[in-house]
PDB file of all heavy atoms in Angstrom:
ATOM      1  N   ALA A   1      15.954  -4.535  -6.100  1.00  0.00           N
ATOM      2  CA  ALA A   1      15.480  -3.212  -5.664  1.00  0.00           C
ATOM      3  C   ALA A   1      14.116  -2.901  -6.311  1.00  0.00           C
ATOM      4  O   ALA A   1      13.240  -2.285  -5.665  1.00  0.00           O
ATOM      5  CB  ALA A   1      16.521  -2.155  -6.004  1.00  0.00           C
ATOM      6  N   ARG A   2      13.901  -3.283  -7.542  1.00  0.00           N
ATOM      7  CA  ARG A   2      12.628  -3.109  -8.218  1.00  0.00           C
ATOM      8  C   ARG A   2      11.544  -3.838  -7.458  1.00  0.00           C
ATOM      9  O   ARG A   2      10.461  -3.279  -7.195  1.00  0.00           O
ATOM     10  CB  ARG A   2      12.694  -3.646  -9.612  1.00  0.00           C
ATOM     11  CG  ARG A   2      13.635  -2.959 -10.540  1.00  0.00           C
ATOM     12  CD  ARG A   2      13.735  -3.723 -11.847  1.00  0.00           C
ATOM     13  NE  ARG A   2      14.711  -3.115 -12.749  1.00  0.00           N
ATOM     14  CZ  ARG A   2      15.092  -3.649 -13.883  1.00  0.00           C
ATOM     15  NH1 ARG A   2      14.559  -4.791 -14.228  1.00  0.00           N
ATOM     16  NH2 ARG A   2      15.958  -3.007 -14.656  1.00  0.00           N
ATOM     17  N   GLY A   3      11.768  -5.095  -7.117  1.00  0.00           N
ATOM     18  CA  GLY A   3      10.790  -5.854  -6.395  1.00  0.00           C
ATOM     19  C   GLY A   3      10.508  -5.260  -5.018  1.00  0.00           C
ATOM     20  O   GLY A   3       9.314  -5.185  -4.585  1.00  0.00           O
ATOM     21  N   LEU A   4      11.543  -4.732  -4.349  1.00  0.00           N
ATOM     22  CA  LEU A   4      11.373  -4.141  -3.022  1.00  0.00           C
ATOM     23  C   LEU A   4      10.480  -2.868  -3.130  1.00  0.00           C
ATOM     24  O   LEU A   4       9.597  -2.624  -2.312  1.00  0.00           O
ATOM     25  CB  LEU A   4      12.726  -3.820  -2.425  1.00  0.00           C
ATOM     26  CG  LEU A   4      12.680  -3.139  -1.040  1.00  0.00           C
ATOM     27  CD1 LEU A   4      11.991  -4.070  -0.009  1.00  0.00           C
ATOM     28  CD2 LEU A   4      14.096  -2.799  -0.586  1.00  0.00           C
ATOM     29  N   LEU A   5      10.749  -2.067  -4.169  1.00  0.00           N
ATOM     30  CA  LEU A   5       9.974  -0.834  -4.366  1.00  0.00           C
ATOM     31  C   LEU A   5       8.506  -1.154  -4.570  1.00  0.00           C
ATOM     32  O   LEU A   5       7.646  -0.521  -3.942  1.00  0.00           O
ATOM     33  CB  LEU A   5      10.495  -0.044  -5.550  1.00  0.00           C
ATOM     34  CG  LEU A   5       9.757   1.238  -5.943  1.00  0.00           C
ATOM     35  CD1 LEU A   5       9.776   2.241  -4.822  1.00  0.00           C
ATOM     36  CD2 LEU A   5      10.395   1.857  -7.209  1.00  0.00           C
ATOM     37  N   ALA A   6       8.238  -2.115  -5.409  1.00  0.00           N
ATOM     38  CA  ALA A   6       6.818  -2.516  -5.668  1.00  0.00           C
ATOM     39  C   ALA A   6       6.180  -3.087  -4.392  1.00  0.00           C
ATOM     40  O   ALA A   6       5.024  -2.805  -4.097  1.00  0.00           O
ATOM     41  CB  ALA A   6       6.735  -3.498  -6.822  1.00  0.00           C
ATOM     42  N   ALA A   7       6.935  -3.888  -3.686  1.00  0.00           N
ATOM     43  CA  ALA A   7       6.409  -4.491  -2.456  1.00  0.00           C
ATOM     44  C   ALA A   7       6.042  -3.440  -1.408  1.00  0.00           C
ATOM     45  O   ALA A   7       5.019  -3.502  -0.768  1.00  0.00           O
ATOM     46  CB  ALA A   7       7.427  -5.468  -1.877  1.00  0.00           C
ATOM     47  N   VAL A   8       6.931  -2.420  -1.257  1.00  0.00           N
ATOM     48  CA  VAL A   8       6.651  -1.360  -0.321  1.00  0.00           C
ATOM     49  C   VAL A   8       5.422  -0.555  -0.690  1.00  0.00           C
ATOM     50  O   VAL A   8       4.519  -0.276   0.087  1.00  0.00           O
ATOM     51  CB  VAL A   8       7.874  -0.412  -0.209  1.00  0.00           C
ATOM     52  CG1 VAL A   8       7.526   0.829   0.656  1.00  0.00           C
ATOM     53  CG2 VAL A   8       9.009  -1.148   0.484  1.00  0.00           C
ATOM     54  N   ALA A   9       5.322  -0.270  -2.022  1.00  0.00           N
ATOM     55  CA  ALA A   9       4.169   0.516  -2.528  1.00  0.00           C
ATOM     56  C   ALA A   9       2.866  -0.246  -2.288  1.00  0.00           C
ATOM     57  O   ALA A   9       1.872   0.352  -1.854  1.00  0.00           O
ATOM     58  CB  ALA A   9       4.361   0.813  -4.012  1.00  0.00           C
ATOM     59  N   ILE A  10       2.857  -1.544  -2.621  1.00  0.00           N
ATOM     60  CA  ILE A  10       1.636  -2.296  -2.400  1.00  0.00           C
ATOM     61  C   ILE A  10       1.331  -2.469  -0.938  1.00  0.00           C
ATOM     62  O   ILE A  10       0.153  -2.406  -0.508  1.00  0.00           O
ATOM     63  CB  ILE A  10       1.789  -3.738  -3.064  1.00  0.00           C
ATOM     64  CG1 ILE A  10       1.634  -3.594  -4.564  1.00  0.00           C
ATOM     65  CG2 ILE A  10       0.775  -4.709  -2.517  1.00  0.00           C
ATOM     66  CD1 ILE A  10       0.208  -3.319  -5.035  1.00  0.00           C
ATOM     67  N   GLY A  11       2.335  -2.660  -0.084  1.00  0.00           N
ATOM     68  CA  GLY A  11       2.144  -2.763   1.295  1.00  0.00           C
ATOM     69  C   GLY A  11       1.475  -1.538   1.943  1.00  0.00           C
ATOM     70  O   GLY A  11       0.559  -1.595   2.733  1.00  0.00           O
ATOM     71  N   VAL A  12       1.948  -0.347   1.474  1.00  0.00           N
ATOM     72  CA  VAL A  12       1.391   0.891   1.931  1.00  0.00           C
ATOM     73  C   VAL A  12      -0.078   1.016   1.415  1.00  0.00           C
ATOM     74  O   VAL A  12      -0.952   1.440   2.212  1.00  0.00           O
ATOM     75  CB  VAL A  12       2.216   2.112   1.418  1.00  0.00           C
ATOM     76  CG1 VAL A  12       1.487   3.424   1.708  1.00  0.00           C
ATOM     77  CG2 VAL A  12       3.585   2.113   2.087  1.00  0.00           C
ATOM     78  N   ALA A  13      -0.329   0.628   0.173  1.00  0.00           N
ATOM     79  CA  ALA A  13      -1.688   0.731  -0.358  1.00  0.00           C
ATOM     80  C   ALA A  13      -2.625  -0.184   0.377  1.00  0.00           C
ATOM     81  O   ALA A  13      -3.781   0.215   0.697  1.00  0.00           O
ATOM     82  CB  ALA A  13      -1.663   0.365  -1.873  1.00  0.00           C
ATOM     83  N   VAL A  14      -2.202  -1.400   0.686  1.00  0.00           N
ATOM     84  CA  VAL A  14      -3.069  -2.345   1.402  1.00  0.00           C
ATOM     85  C   VAL A  14      -3.341  -1.805   2.793  1.00  0.00           C
ATOM     86  O   VAL A  14      -4.506  -1.924   3.284  1.00  0.00           O
ATOM     87  CB  VAL A  14      -2.385  -3.741   1.468  1.00  0.00           C
ATOM     88  CG1 VAL A  14      -3.171  -4.654   2.405  1.00  0.00           C
ATOM     89  CG2 VAL A  14      -2.338  -4.362   0.086  1.00  0.00           C
ATOM     90  N   THR A  15      -2.374  -1.290   3.478  1.00  0.00           N
ATOM     91  CA  THR A  15      -2.575  -0.731   4.801  1.00  0.00           C
ATOM     92  C   THR A  15      -3.518   0.483   4.754  1.00  0.00           C
ATOM     93  O   THR A  15      -4.433   0.551   5.606  1.00  0.00           O
ATOM     94  CB  THR A  15      -1.206  -0.261   5.386  1.00  0.00           C
ATOM     95  OG1 THR A  15      -0.303  -1.367   5.404  1.00  0.00           O
ATOM     96  CG2 THR A  15      -1.409   0.244   6.822  1.00  0.00           C
ATOM     97  N   LEU A  16      -3.339   1.347   3.802  1.00  0.00           N
ATOM     98  CA  LEU A  16      -4.230   2.474   3.637  1.00  0.00           C
ATOM     99  C   LEU A  16      -5.658   2.023   3.358  1.00  0.00           C
ATOM    100  O   LEU A  16      -6.643   2.604   3.910  1.00  0.00           O
ATOM    101  CB  LEU A  16      -3.752   3.367   2.487  1.00  0.00           C
ATOM    102  CG  LEU A  16      -4.554   4.648   2.235  1.00  0.00           C
ATOM    103  CD1 LEU A  16      -4.541   5.531   3.438  1.00  0.00           C
ATOM    104  CD2 LEU A  16      -4.032   5.386   1.042  1.00  0.00           C
ATOM    105  N   ALA A  17      -5.810   0.968   2.575  1.00  0.00           N
ATOM    106  CA  ALA A  17      -7.173   0.452   2.282  1.00  0.00           C
ATOM    107  C   ALA A  17      -7.807  -0.071   3.544  1.00  0.00           C
ATOM    108  O   ALA A  17      -9.046   0.012   3.667  1.00  0.00           O
ATOM    109  CB  ALA A  17      -7.071  -0.632   1.245  1.00  0.00           C
ATOM    110  N   ALA A  18      -7.008  -0.614   4.452  1.00  0.00           N
ATOM    111  CA  ALA A  18      -7.598  -1.185   5.666  1.00  0.00           C
ATOM    112  C   ALA A  18      -7.913  -0.168   6.731  1.00  0.00           C
ATOM    113  O   ALA A  18      -8.915  -0.276   7.481  1.00  0.00           O
ATOM    114  CB  ALA A  18      -6.623  -2.249   6.255  1.00  0.00           C
ATOM    115  N   VAL A  19      -7.114   0.882   6.871  1.00  0.00           N
ATOM    116  CA  VAL A  19      -7.290   1.839   7.954  1.00  0.00           C
ATOM    117  C   VAL A  19      -7.885   3.134   7.535  1.00  0.00           C
ATOM    118  O   VAL A  19      -8.344   3.942   8.375  1.00  0.00           O
ATOM    119  CB  VAL A  19      -5.912   2.121   8.674  1.00  0.00           C
ATOM    120  CG1 VAL A  19      -5.311   0.823   9.165  1.00  0.00           C
ATOM    121  CG2 VAL A  19      -4.960   2.827   7.747  1.00  0.00           C
ATOM    122  N   GLY A  20      -7.916   3.431   6.258  1.00  0.00           N
ATOM    123  CA  GLY A  20      -8.474   4.665   5.730  1.00  0.00           C
ATOM    124  C   GLY A  20     -10.028   4.604   5.573  1.00  0.00           C
ATOM    125  O   GLY A  20     -10.625   3.619   5.857  1.00  0.00           O
ATOM    126  N   GLY A  21     -10.561   5.719   5.120  1.00  0.00           N
ATOM    127  CA  GLY A  21     -11.947   5.764   4.855  1.00  0.00           C
ATOM    128  C   GLY A  21     -12.312   5.118   3.525  1.00  0.00           C
ATOM    129  O   GLY A  21     -11.411   4.577   2.842  1.00  0.00           O
ATOM    130  N   PRO A  22     -13.599   5.097   3.153  1.00  0.00           N
ATOM    131  CA  PRO A  22     -14.002   4.442   1.870  1.00  0.00           C
ATOM    132  C   PRO A  22     -13.292   4.995   0.645  1.00  0.00           C
ATOM    133  O   PRO A  22     -12.924   4.204  -0.200  1.00  0.00           O
ATOM    134  CB  PRO A  22     -15.512   4.736   1.858  1.00  0.00           C
ATOM    135  CG  PRO A  22     -15.914   5.013   3.292  1.00  0.00           C
ATOM    136  CD  PRO A  22     -14.735   5.661   3.906  1.00  0.00           C
ATOM    137  N   LEU A  23     -13.130   6.327   0.575  1.00  0.00           N
ATOM    138  CA  LEU A  23     -12.474   6.911  -0.614  1.00  0.00           C
ATOM    139  C   LEU A  23     -10.987   6.504  -0.634  1.00  0.00           C
ATOM    140  O   LEU A  23     -10.493   6.099  -1.699  1.00  0.00           O
ATOM    141  CB  LEU A  23     -12.597   8.421  -0.595  1.00  0.00           C
ATOM    142  CG  LEU A  23     -11.929   9.155  -1.761  1.00  0.00           C
ATOM    143  CD1 LEU A  23     -12.477   8.664  -3.092  1.00  0.00           C
ATOM    144  CD2 LEU A  23     -12.070  10.660  -1.623  1.00  0.00           C
ATOM    145  N   ALA A  24     -10.380   6.558   0.510  1.00  0.00           N
ATOM    146  CA  ALA A  24      -8.942   6.150   0.587  1.00  0.00           C
ATOM    147  C   ALA A  24      -8.787   4.670   0.193  1.00  0.00           C
ATOM    148  O   ALA A  24      -7.848   4.320  -0.506  1.00  0.00           O
ATOM    149  CB  ALA A  24      -8.384   6.407   1.988  1.00  0.00           C
TER     150      ALA A  24
END
């Protein structure tokens, strides 16, 4: 469960970095 939580958090961050603006 720990690994899954970190994986989801990083996945969301990577997606935000790709589709968000420069600050995001």
